[in-house]
C-alpha atoms as a PDB file:
ATOM      1  CA  MET A   1      13.755 -11.612  18.285  1.00  0.00           C
ATOM      2  CA  ILE A   2      10.491 -10.465  16.693  1.00  0.00           C
ATOM      3  CA  TYR A   3      10.104  -6.703  16.431  1.00  0.00           C
ATOM      4  CA  PHE A   4       6.594  -5.226  16.364  1.00  0.00           C
ATOM      5  CA  ILE A   5       6.421  -1.726  14.883  1.00  0.00           C
ATOM      6  CA  ILE A   6       3.225  -0.228  16.216  1.00  0.00           C
ATOM      7  CA  ASN A   7       1.359   2.839  14.994  1.00  0.00           C
ATOM      8  CA  PRO A   8      -1.040   3.660  17.870  1.00  0.00           C
ATOM      9  CA  ALA A   9      -2.909   6.190  15.712  1.00  0.00           C
ATOM     10  CA  ALA A  10      -3.932   3.630  13.091  1.00  0.00           C
ATOM     11  CA  GLY A  11      -7.498   2.386  12.956  1.00  0.00           C
ATOM     12  CA  SER A  12      -9.046   5.004  15.272  1.00  0.00           C
ATOM     13  CA  GLY A  13      -7.993   3.175  18.435  1.00  0.00           C
ATOM     14  CA  LYS A  14      -8.057  -0.406  17.132  1.00  0.00           C
ATOM     15  CA  THR A  15      -4.269  -0.622  17.261  1.00  0.00           C
ATOM     16  CA  ARG A  16      -4.180   0.143  20.979  1.00  0.00           C
ATOM     17  CA  ALA A  17      -6.796  -2.541  21.557  1.00  0.00           C
ATOM     18  CA  ALA A  18      -4.648  -5.049  19.658  1.00  0.00           C
ATOM     19  CA  ILE A  19      -1.535  -4.626  21.799  1.00  0.00           C
ATOM     20  CA  PRO A  20      -2.618  -6.678  24.863  1.00  0.00           C
ATOM     21  CA  ILE A  21      -3.898  -9.444  22.560  1.00  0.00           C
ATOM     22  CA  ILE A  22      -0.563  -9.610  20.742  1.00  0.00           C
ATOM     23  CA  GLU A  23       1.375  -9.608  24.007  1.00  0.00           C
ATOM     24  CA  ARG A  24      -0.749 -12.421  25.440  1.00  0.00           C
ATOM     25  CA  VAL A  25      -0.107 -14.648  22.417  1.00  0.00           C
ATOM     26  CA  MET A  26       3.599 -13.827  22.402  1.00  0.00           C
ATOM     27  CA  ARG A  27       4.018 -14.537  26.131  1.00  0.00           C
ATOM     28  CA  GLU A  28       2.276 -17.882  25.715  1.00  0.00           C
ATOM     29  CA  SER A  29       4.593 -18.745  22.810  1.00  0.00           C
ATOM     30  CA  GLY A  30       7.790 -18.024  24.745  1.00  0.00           C
ATOM     31  CA  VAL A  31       9.310 -16.359  21.676  1.00  0.00           C
ATOM     32  CA  PRO A  32      11.246 -13.176  22.533  1.00  0.00           C
ATOM     33  CA  TYR A  33       9.765  -9.974  21.163  1.00  0.00           C
ATOM     34  CA  THR A  34      10.065  -6.197  21.383  1.00  0.00           C
ATOM     35  CA  LEU A  35       7.438  -3.500  20.857  1.00  0.00           C
ATOM     36  CA  ILE A  36       8.561  -0.321  19.079  1.00  0.00           C
ATOM     37  CA  TYR A  37       6.113   2.575  18.824  1.00  0.00           C
ATOM     38  CA  THR A  38       5.978   5.063  15.965  1.00  0.00           C
ATOM     39  CA  ASN A  39       4.190   8.341  16.586  1.00  0.00           C
ATOM     40  CA  SER A  40       4.848  10.392  13.456  1.00  0.00           C
ATOM     41  CA  PRO A  41       5.729   9.961   9.770  1.00  0.00           C
ATOM     42  CA  ASP A  42       9.310   9.591   8.549  1.00  0.00           C
ATOM     43  CA  GLU A  43      10.596   7.766  11.620  1.00  0.00           C
ATOM     44  CA  CYS A  44      11.934   4.794   9.652  1.00  0.00           C
ATOM     45  CA  ALA A  45      15.608   5.757  10.047  1.00  0.00           C
ATOM     46  CA  LYS A  46      15.109   6.306  13.782  1.00  0.00           C
ATOM     47  CA  ILE A  47      13.375   2.954  14.254  1.00  0.00           C
ATOM     48  CA  GLU A  48      15.965   1.132  12.157  1.00  0.00           C
ATOM     49  CA  LYS A  49      18.576   2.067  14.782  1.00  0.00           C
ATOM     50  CA  GLN A  50      16.472   0.456  17.528  1.00  0.00           C
ATOM     51  CA  ILE A  51      16.598  -2.979  15.895  1.00  0.00           C
ATOM     52  CA  ASP A  52      19.362  -5.481  16.640  1.00  0.00           C
ATOM     53  CA  TRP A  53      19.763  -6.814  13.124  1.00  0.00           C
ATOM     54  CA  ASP A  54      21.924  -9.731  14.226  1.00  0.00           C
ATOM     55  CA  ALA A  55      19.147 -10.993  16.514  1.00  0.00           C
ATOM     56  CA  ALA A  56      16.097  -9.969  14.463  1.00  0.00           C
ATOM     57  CA  LYS A  57      14.040 -12.790  12.946  1.00  0.00           C
ATOM     58  CA  ALA A  58      10.985 -10.826  11.822  1.00  0.00           C
ATOM     59  CA  ILE A  59       9.584  -7.311  11.572  1.00  0.00           C
ATOM     60  CA  VAL A  60       5.843  -6.987  12.108  1.00  0.00           C
ATOM     61  CA  CYS A  61       3.850  -3.881  11.204  1.00  0.00           C
ATOM     62  CA  VAL A  62       0.845  -3.341  13.473  1.00  0.00           C
ATOM     63  CA  GLY A  63      -1.327  -0.756  11.760  1.00  0.00           C
ATOM     64  CA  GLY A  64      -2.823  -0.068   8.357  1.00  0.00           C
ATOM     65  CA  ASP A  65      -1.580   0.107   4.782  1.00  0.00           C
ATOM     66  CA  GLY A  66       0.208   3.399   5.440  1.00  0.00           C
ATOM     67  CA  THR A  67       2.233   1.856   8.275  1.00  0.00           C
ATOM     68  CA  VAL A  68       3.229  -1.029   6.013  1.00  0.00           C
ATOM     69  CA  GLN A  69       4.391   1.414   3.338  1.00  0.00           C
ATOM     70  CA  GLU A  70       6.496   3.411   5.783  1.00  0.00           C
ATOM     71  CA  TYR A  71       8.398   0.379   7.092  1.00  0.00           C
ATOM     72  CA  ILE A  72       8.535  -2.136   4.256  1.00  0.00           C
ATOM     73  CA  GLY A  73      11.943  -0.734   3.312  1.00  0.00           C
ATOM     74  CA  LEU A  74      13.382  -2.248   6.493  1.00  0.00           C
ATOM     75  CA  ALA A  75      12.769  -5.735   5.093  1.00  0.00           C
ATOM     76  CA  VAL A  76      13.774  -5.168   1.455  1.00  0.00           C
ATOM     77  CA  ASN A  77      16.638  -7.460   0.413  1.00  0.00           C
ATOM     78  CA  ARG A  78      17.331  -8.476   4.025  1.00  0.00           C
ATOM     79  CA  ASP A  79      17.373 -12.021   5.393  1.00  0.00           C
ATOM     80  CA  ILE A  80      14.479 -11.243   7.714  1.00  0.00           C
ATOM     81  CA  SER A  81      10.773 -12.009   7.580  1.00  0.00           C
ATOM     82  CA  PHE A  82       8.073  -9.356   7.324  1.00  0.00           C
ATOM     83  CA  ALA A  83       4.503  -9.640   8.598  1.00  0.00           C
ATOM     84  CA  VAL A  84       1.410  -7.481   8.982  1.00  0.00           C
ATOM     85  CA  ILE A  85      -1.144  -7.429  11.795  1.00  0.00           C
ATOM     86  CA  PRO A  86      -4.003  -5.392  10.316  1.00  0.00           C
ATOM     87  CA  THR A  87      -5.509  -2.685  12.511  1.00  0.00           C
ATOM     88  CA  GLY A  88      -6.087   0.072   9.939  1.00  0.00           C
ATOM     89  CA  SER A  89      -9.362   1.320   8.521  1.00  0.00           C
ATOM     90  CA  ALA A  90      -9.106  -0.571   5.220  1.00  0.00           C
ATOM     91  CA  ASN A  91      -6.147  -3.023   5.311  1.00  0.00           C
ATOM     92  CA  ASP A  92      -6.342  -3.325   1.536  1.00  0.00           C
ATOM     93  CA  PHE A  93      -2.940  -4.919   1.060  1.00  0.00           C
ATOM     94  CA  LEU A  94      -3.947  -8.139   2.793  1.00  0.00           C
ATOM     95  CA  TYR A  95      -6.602  -8.811   0.157  1.00  0.00           C
ATOM     96  CA  SER A  96      -3.664  -9.549  -2.170  1.00  0.00           C
ATOM     97  CA  VAL A  97      -1.897 -11.894   0.271  1.00  0.00           C
ATOM     98  CA  PRO A  98      -2.712 -15.642   0.335  1.00  0.00           C
ATOM     99  CA  GLY A  99      -4.659 -16.290   3.537  1.00  0.00           C
ATOM    100  CA  GLY A 100      -4.276 -12.638   4.430  1.00  0.00           C
ATOM    101  CA  TYR A 101      -7.797 -11.627   5.304  1.00  0.00           C
ATOM    102  CA  SER A 102     -11.024 -13.115   6.588  1.00  0.00           C
ATOM    103  CA  LYS A 103     -14.185 -11.140   7.299  1.00  0.00           C
ATOM    104  CA  SER A 104     -15.629 -13.970   9.387  1.00  0.00           C
ATOM    105  CA  ARG A 105     -13.336 -13.312  12.370  1.00  0.00           C
ATOM    106  CA  THR A 106     -13.970 -10.934  15.246  1.00  0.00           C
ATOM    107  CA  PHE A 107     -11.321  -8.306  15.904  1.00  0.00           C
ATOM    108  CA  GLU A 108      -9.710 -10.340  18.688  1.00  0.00           C
ATOM    109  CA  GLU A 109      -9.742 -13.501  16.585  1.00  0.00           C
ATOM    110  CA  THR A 110      -8.190 -11.608  13.683  1.00  0.00           C
ATOM    111  CA  ILE A 111      -5.323 -10.345  15.852  1.00  0.00           C
ATOM    112  CA  ILE A 112      -4.743 -13.814  17.301  1.00  0.00           C
ATOM    113  CA  TYR A 113      -4.868 -15.336  13.796  1.00  0.00           C
ATOM    114  CA  HIS A 114      -2.202 -13.015  12.408  1.00  0.00           C
ATOM    115  CA  THR A 115       0.007 -13.238  15.488  1.00  0.00           C
ATOM    116  CA  LYS A 116      -0.011 -17.033  15.393  1.00  0.00           C
ATOM    117  CA  LYS A 117       0.587 -16.949  11.649  1.00  0.00           C
ATOM    118  CA  LEU A 118       3.794 -14.974  12.088  1.00  0.00           C
ATOM    119  CA  LEU A 119       4.912 -17.477  14.758  1.00  0.00           C
ATOM    120  CA  ALA A 120       4.384 -20.306  12.251  1.00  0.00           C
ATOM    121  CA  GLY A 121       6.785 -18.477   9.952  1.00  0.00           C
ATOM    122  CA  ASN A 122       5.583 -19.623   6.513  1.00  0.00           C
ATOM    123  CA  THR A 123       6.905 -17.167   3.923  1.00  0.00           C
ATOM    124  CA  LEU A 124       6.465 -16.094   0.315  1.00  0.00           C
ATOM    125  CA  ASN A 125       9.171 -14.294  -1.645  1.00  0.00           C
ATOM    126  CA  ALA A 126       7.152 -11.213  -2.538  1.00  0.00           C
ATOM    127  CA  ASP A 127       8.000  -8.300  -4.799  1.00  0.00           C
ATOM    128  CA  ALA A 128       8.400  -4.707  -3.658  1.00  0.00           C
ATOM    129  CA  VAL A 129       8.752  -1.432  -5.577  1.00  0.00           C
ATOM    130  CA  SER A 130      11.307   1.339  -5.144  1.00  0.00           C
ATOM    131  CA  VAL A 131      10.425   4.916  -6.081  1.00  0.00           C
ATOM    132  CA  SER A 132      13.230   7.406  -6.578  1.00  0.00           C
ATOM    133  CA  ASN A 133      14.447  10.617  -8.133  1.00  0.00           C
ATOM    134  CA  ALA A 134      17.774  12.400  -7.820  1.00  0.00           C
ATOM    135  CA  ALA A 135      17.108  13.402  -4.204  1.00  0.00           C
ATOM    136  CA  ASN A 136      14.912  10.736  -2.601  1.00  0.00           C
ATOM    137  CA  GLN A 137      14.133   7.043  -2.478  1.00  0.00           C
ATOM    138  CA  ARG A 138      11.168   5.286  -0.905  1.00  0.00           C
ATOM    139  CA  TYR A 139       9.561   1.866  -1.118  1.00  0.00           C
ATOM    140  CA  PHE A 140       6.061   0.517  -1.264  1.00  0.00           C
ATOM    141  CA  PHE A 141       4.527  -2.928  -1.105  1.00  0.00           C
ATOM    142  CA  ASN A 142       1.019  -2.362  -2.423  1.00  0.00           C
ATOM    143  CA  ILE A 143       0.130   0.520  -4.778  1.00  0.00           C
ATOM    144  CA  GLY A 144       1.661   3.883  -5.604  1.00  0.00           C
ATOM    145  CA  GLY A 145       0.623   6.465  -8.130  1.00  0.00           C
ATOM    146  CA  THR A 146      -0.802   9.829  -8.955  1.00  0.00           C
ATOM    147  CA  GLY A 147      -3.917  11.391 -10.366  1.00  0.00           C
ATOM    148  CA  ILE A 148      -7.431  11.562  -9.063  1.00  0.00           C
ATOM    149  CA  ASP A 149      -6.589   9.285  -6.142  1.00  0.00           C
ATOM    150  CA  ILE A 150      -4.579  12.115  -4.538  1.00  0.00           C
ATOM    151  CA  GLN A 151      -7.595  14.385  -4.311  1.00  0.00           C
ATOM    152  CA  VAL A 152      -9.797  11.439  -3.389  1.00  0.00           C
ATOM    153  CA  LEU A 153      -7.523  10.705  -0.448  1.00  0.00           C
ATOM    154  CA  ARG A 154      -7.468  14.316   0.717  1.00  0.00           C
ATOM    155  CA  ASP A 155     -11.248  14.560   0.598  1.00  0.00           C
ATOM    156  CA  ALA A 156     -11.699  11.136   2.230  1.00  0.00           C
ATOM    157  CA  LEU A 157      -9.567  11.803   5.313  1.00  0.00           C
ATOM    158  CA  PRO A 158     -12.172  13.897   7.176  1.00  0.00           C
ATOM    159  CA  LEU A 159     -14.810  11.261   6.362  1.00  0.00           C
ATOM    160  CA  LYS A 160     -12.891   8.203   7.594  1.00  0.00           C
ATOM    161  CA  LYS A 161     -13.981   8.471  11.219  1.00  0.00           C
ATOM    162  CA  ALA A 162     -17.658   8.369  10.267  1.00  0.00           C
ATOM    163  CA  PHE A 163     -17.567   6.093   7.208  1.00  0.00           C
ATOM    164  CA  GLY A 164     -14.371   3.994   7.518  1.00  0.00           C
ATOM    165  CA  GLY A 165     -13.256   2.457   4.215  1.00  0.00           C
ATOM    166  CA  ALA A 166     -16.413   3.753   2.489  1.00  0.00           C
ATOM    167  CA  ALA A 167     -15.014   7.294   2.795  1.00  0.00           C
ATOM    168  CA  TYR A 168     -12.808   6.619  -0.225  1.00  0.00           C
ATOM    169  CA  PHE A 169     -15.757   5.592  -2.368  1.00  0.00           C
ATOM    170  CA  LEU A 170     -17.761   8.683  -1.399  1.00  0.00           C
ATOM    171  CA  SER A 171     -14.810  10.896  -2.240  1.00  0.00           C
ATOM    172  CA  LEU A 172     -14.369   9.139  -5.601  1.00  0.00           C
ATOM    173  CA  ILE A 173     -17.911  10.039  -6.632  1.00  0.00           C
ATOM    174  CA  LYS A 174     -17.369  13.686  -5.774  1.00  0.00           C
ATOM    175  CA  ASN A 175     -14.064  13.923  -7.662  1.00  0.00           C
ATOM    176  CA  ALA A 176     -15.457  12.200 -10.729  1.00  0.00           C
ATOM    177  CA  VAL A 177     -17.321  15.465 -11.282  1.00  0.00           C
ATOM    178  CA  THR A 178     -14.580  17.959 -10.407  1.00  0.00           C
ATOM    179  CA  TYR A 179     -11.186  16.413 -11.296  1.00  0.00           C
ATOM    180  CA  ARG A 180      -9.154  17.494 -14.350  1.00  0.00           C
ATOM    181  CA  ALA A 181      -6.696  15.150 -16.119  1.00  0.00           C
ATOM    182  CA  GLU A 182      -2.938  15.848 -15.954  1.00  0.00           C
ATOM    183  CA  LYS A 183      -0.406  15.794 -18.788  1.00  0.00           C
ATOM    184  CA  ILE A 184       2.461  13.373 -18.071  1.00  0.00           C
ATOM    185  CA  THR A 185       5.136  11.647 -20.139  1.00  0.00           C
ATOM    186  CA  LEU A 186       5.682   7.990 -19.281  1.00  0.00           C
ATOM    187  CA  HIS A 187       8.580   5.680 -20.092  1.00  0.00           C
ATOM    188  CA  ILE A 188       7.316   2.123 -19.623  1.00  0.00           C
ATOM    189  CA  ASP A 189      10.252  -0.300 -19.807  1.00  0.00           C
ATOM    190  CA  GLY A 190      11.972   2.339 -21.945  1.00  0.00           C
ATOM    191  CA  LYS A 191       9.047   3.035 -24.312  1.00  0.00           C
ATOM    192  CA  PRO A 192       7.861   6.681 -24.154  1.00  0.00           C
ATOM    193  CA  GLU A 193       4.313   7.993 -24.399  1.00  0.00           C
ATOM    194  CA  THR A 194       2.652  11.278 -23.481  1.00  0.00           C
ATOM    195  CA  GLY A 195      -0.977  11.705 -22.525  1.00  0.00           C
ATOM    196  CA  ARG A 196      -3.527  13.276 -20.241  1.00  0.00           C
ATOM    197  CA  TYR A 197      -4.254  10.878 -17.429  1.00  0.00           C
ATOM    198  CA  ILE A 198      -7.031  10.658 -14.882  1.00  0.00           C
ATOM    199  CA  LEU A 199      -5.086   8.033 -12.954  1.00  0.00           C
ATOM    200  CA  LEU A 200      -1.761   6.232 -12.983  1.00  0.00           C
ATOM    201  CA  ALA A 201      -1.504   3.415 -10.430  1.00  0.00           C
ATOM    202  CA  ALA A 202       1.637   1.290 -10.210  1.00  0.00           C
ATOM    203  CA  ALA A 203       0.292  -1.844  -8.556  1.00  0.00           C
ATOM    204  CA  ASN A 204       2.053  -4.632  -6.742  1.00  0.00           C
ATOM    205  CA  GLY A 205      -1.150  -5.596  -4.937  1.00  0.00           C
ATOM    206  CA  ALA A 206      -4.611  -5.360  -6.461  1.00  0.00           C
ATOM    207  CA  TYR A 207      -6.616  -3.244  -3.981  1.00  0.00           C
ATOM    208  CA  TYR A 208      -6.482   0.190  -2.409  1.00  0.00           C
ATOM    209  CA  GLY A 209      -8.738   2.983  -1.164  1.00  0.00           C
ATOM    210  CA  GLY A 210     -11.208   0.739   0.677  1.00  0.00           C
ATOM    211  CA  LYS A 211     -11.075  -2.498  -1.366  1.00  0.00           C
ATOM    212  CA  MET A 212     -11.128  -0.729  -4.735  1.00  0.00           C
ATOM    213  CA  ASN A 213      -9.923  -3.413  -7.168  1.00  0.00           C
ATOM    214  CA  VAL A 214      -7.870  -1.044  -9.313  1.00  0.00           C
ATOM    215  CA  ALA A 215      -5.543  -3.714 -10.742  1.00  0.00           C
ATOM    216  CA  PRO A 216      -7.396  -7.045 -10.788  1.00  0.00           C
ATOM    217  CA  THR A 217      -4.518  -8.950 -12.413  1.00  0.00           C
ATOM    218  CA  ALA A 218      -1.804  -7.706 -10.046  1.00  0.00           C
ATOM    219  CA  ASP A 219       0.079 -10.360  -8.079  1.00  0.00           C
ATOM    220  CA  ILE A 220       2.592  -9.577  -5.325  1.00  0.00           C
ATOM    221  CA  ALA A 221       4.893 -12.392  -6.436  1.00  0.00           C
ATOM    222  CA  ASP A 222       4.638 -12.386 -10.246  1.00  0.00           C
ATOM    223  CA  GLY A 223       7.773 -10.345 -10.991  1.00  0.00           C
ATOM    224  CA  PHE A 224       5.870  -7.392 -12.485  1.00  0.00           C
ATOM    225  CA  ILE A 225       4.443  -4.004 -11.667  1.00  0.00           C
ATOM    226  CA  THR A 226       0.905  -3.837 -13.058  1.00  0.00           C
ATOM    227  CA  LEU A 227       0.374  -0.285 -14.297  1.00  0.00           C
ATOM    228  CA  CYS A 228      -3.247   0.862 -14.431  1.00  0.00           C
ATOM    229  CA  LYS A 229      -3.586   3.789 -16.842  1.00  0.00           C
ATOM    230  CA  VAL A 230      -6.794   5.779 -17.116  1.00  0.00           C
ATOM    231  CA  VAL A 231      -6.717   8.404 -19.869  1.00  0.00           C
ATOM    232  CA  ASP A 232      -8.960  11.449 -19.999  1.00  0.00           C
ATOM    233  CA  MET A 233     -12.622  10.821 -20.720  1.00  0.00           C
ATOM    234  CA  PRO A 234     -15.933  12.719 -20.742  1.00  0.00           C
ATOM    235  CA  ARG A 235     -17.304  13.681 -17.334  1.00  0.00           C
ATOM    236  CA  LEU A 236     -20.409  11.482 -17.613  1.00  0.00           C
ATOM    237  CA  LYS A 237     -18.299   8.480 -18.516  1.00  0.00           C
ATOM    238  CA  LEU A 238     -15.993   9.219 -15.574  1.00  0.00           C
ATOM    239  CA  LEU A 239     -19.016   9.143 -13.297  1.00  0.00           C
ATOM    240  CA  ALA A 240     -19.768   5.662 -14.613  1.00  0.00           C
ATOM    241  CA  LEU A 241     -16.130   4.554 -14.303  1.00  0.00           C
ATOM    242  CA  PHE A 242     -15.560   4.801 -10.590  1.00  0.00           C
ATOM    243  CA  PRO A 243     -18.463   2.716  -9.302  1.00  0.00           C
ATOM    244  CA  SER A 244     -17.049  -0.033 -11.517  1.00  0.00           C
ATOM    245  CA  VAL A 245     -13.574   0.055  -9.900  1.00  0.00           C
ATOM    246  CA  LYS A 246     -14.599  -1.715  -6.693  1.00  0.00           C
ATOM    247  CA  PRO A 247     -15.621  -4.916  -8.520  1.00  0.00           C
ATOM    248  CA  GLY A 248     -12.804  -4.484 -11.084  1.00  0.00           C
ATOM    249  CA  ARG A 249     -15.088  -3.948 -14.082  1.00  0.00           C
ATOM    250  CA  HIS A 250     -13.411  -0.646 -15.055  1.00  0.00           C
ATOM    251  CA  ILE A 251     -10.843  -2.561 -17.096  1.00  0.00           C
ATOM    252  CA  ARG A 252     -13.519  -3.174 -19.767  1.00  0.00           C
ATOM    253  CA  MET A 253     -13.500   0.531 -20.720  1.00  0.00           C
ATOM    254  CA  LYS A 254     -11.354   1.578 -23.692  1.00  0.00           C
ATOM    255  CA  GLU A 255      -9.792   4.411 -21.665  1.00  0.00           C
ATOM    256  CA  VAL A 256      -8.436   1.943 -19.095  1.00  0.00           C
ATOM    257  CA  SER A 257      -5.461  -0.326 -19.674  1.00  0.00           C
ATOM    258  CA  LEU A 258      -3.320  -2.648 -17.549  1.00  0.00           C
ATOM    259  CA  ILE A 259       0.319  -3.138 -18.487  1.00  0.00           C
ATOM    260  CA  ASN A 260       2.796  -5.508 -16.843  1.00  0.00           C
ATOM    261  CA  CYS A 261       6.237  -3.942 -16.647  1.00  0.00           C
ATOM    262  CA  LYS A 262       9.387  -3.671 -14.550  1.00  0.00           C
ATOM    263  CA  GLU A 263      10.075   0.053 -14.691  1.00  0.00           C
ATOM    264  CA  ILE A 264       7.974   3.207 -15.077  1.00  0.00           C
ATOM    265  CA  ILE A 265       9.505   6.682 -15.314  1.00  0.00           C
ATOM    266  CA  LEU A 266       7.242   9.723 -14.985  1.00  0.00           C
ATOM    267  CA  GLU A 267       8.178  13.121 -16.419  1.00  0.00           C
ATOM    268  CA  TYR A 268       6.151  16.222 -15.503  1.00  0.00           C
ATOM    269  CA  GLY A 269       6.552  19.872 -14.673  1.00  0.00           C
ATOM    270  CA  GLY A 270       7.551  20.999 -11.174  1.00  0.00           C
ATOM    271  CA  LYS A 271       6.697  18.813  -8.193  1.00  0.00           C
ATOM    272  CA  LYS A 272       3.994  16.172  -8.060  1.00  0.00           C
ATOM    273  CA  THR A 273       2.227  14.531  -5.143  1.00  0.00           C
ATOM    274  CA  ILE A 274       2.504  10.735  -5.155  1.00  0.00           C
ATOM    275  CA  ASN A 275       0.173   8.531  -3.140  1.00  0.00           C
ATOM    276  CA  PHE A 276       1.602   5.414  -1.498  1.00  0.00           C
ATOM    277  CA  ASP A 277      -1.267   3.625   0.273  1.00  0.00           C
ATOM    278  CA  GLY A 278      -2.573   6.812   1.850  1.00  0.00           C
ATOM    279  CA  ASN A 279       0.823   8.408   2.490  1.00  0.00           C
ATOM    280  CA  LEU A 280       1.445  11.481   0.346  1.00  0.00           C
ATOM    281  CA  TYR A 281       4.929  12.604  -0.712  1.00  0.00           C
ATOM    282  CA  GLU A 282       6.218  15.332  -3.028  1.00  0.00           C
ATOM    283  CA  PHE A 283       8.678  14.394  -5.799  1.00  0.00           C
ATOM    284  CA  GLU A 284      10.384  16.416  -8.499  1.00  0.00           C
ATOM    285  CA  SER A 285      10.574  14.989 -12.021  1.00  0.00           C
ATOM    286  CA  PRO A 286      11.737  12.559 -13.311  1.00  0.00           C
ATOM    287  CA  LEU A 287      10.454   9.885 -10.956  1.00  0.00           C
ATOM    288  CA  ALA A 288      11.257   6.189 -11.412  1.00  0.00           C
ATOM    289  CA  PHE A 289       9.233   3.198 -10.191  1.00  0.00           C
ATOM    290  CA  ARG A 290      11.360   0.030 -10.295  1.00  0.00           C
ATOM    291  CA  LEU A 291      10.380  -3.530  -9.441  1.00  0.00           C
ATOM    292  CA  LEU A 292      12.396  -5.371  -6.776  1.00  0.00           C
ATOM    293  CA  PRO A 293      11.506  -9.004  -7.531  1.00  0.00           C
ATOM    294  CA  GLY A 294      11.269 -11.358  -4.552  1.00  0.00           C
ATOM    295  CA  ALA A 295      12.805  -8.712  -2.289  1.00  0.00           C
ATOM    296  CA  VAL A 296      10.666  -9.399   0.806  1.00  0.00           C
ATOM    297  CA  LYS A 297      10.230 -12.622   2.796  1.00  0.00           C
ATOM    298  CA  LEU A 298       6.554 -12.092   3.511  1.00  0.00           C
ATOM    299  CA  ILE A 299       4.873 -14.192   6.192  1.00  0.00           C
ATOM    300  CA  ILE A 300       1.659 -15.661   4.828  1.00  0.00           C
END
């Protein structure tokens, strides 16, 4: 049985348009499938109970990067395949997946392409990342972090309908002028450091926020988290930084560094908002990011 987890709200209606295309391909294949709809955040535990794990062969997220983040935990360290049919506004994660994305296809062709790909069943043992403190644990597959991207996301949300993925870039330019760096203590594979950071992005994939190439060297199957650190810098230099993120040229600046690691622990005062591919959660300190190597059988 193939289970499709569908977020009808993703992609401003594109997800709804994808459903009859998916069903047509699945009926033609003769492979049994079930559609499960998610209508609000934090329904993972509820949806988990709707899956017959003895019969399940694959879980397929139909939606955007946020939908993938919410449900990737269902596939972590399970003998089950995981696939994505992209219907979100950006679908950044698939830029880091071999054969994951092609701009040359129409929407219908894209949905057919990904549906047939999951039927073929070719997989890659991909890494995932767990994020936890004393009270909570979550997972992500692409990028999680904190800093200016939180405010960028909040300011981009009302712009997404009009500008799509470009809303993130417009919001970045605005926040380059207004954002103030935060003081955080990091423990990177056990080594401590304290600084004032514009951005901390723990990357499994390379892209987020509308194809912003924040971690150009990140690889979903290399056995590392790629941490992108951006320390405080003058306002004018910050204005120059963010246009360079999309092509990945920001890593040439002395205030930017990429570090491959397996564990990152953040210490800070009070609660902090953490961004996982557009989903925002509150965590108390300390907060640990830990690599789960090869934990997901990703269909490619």
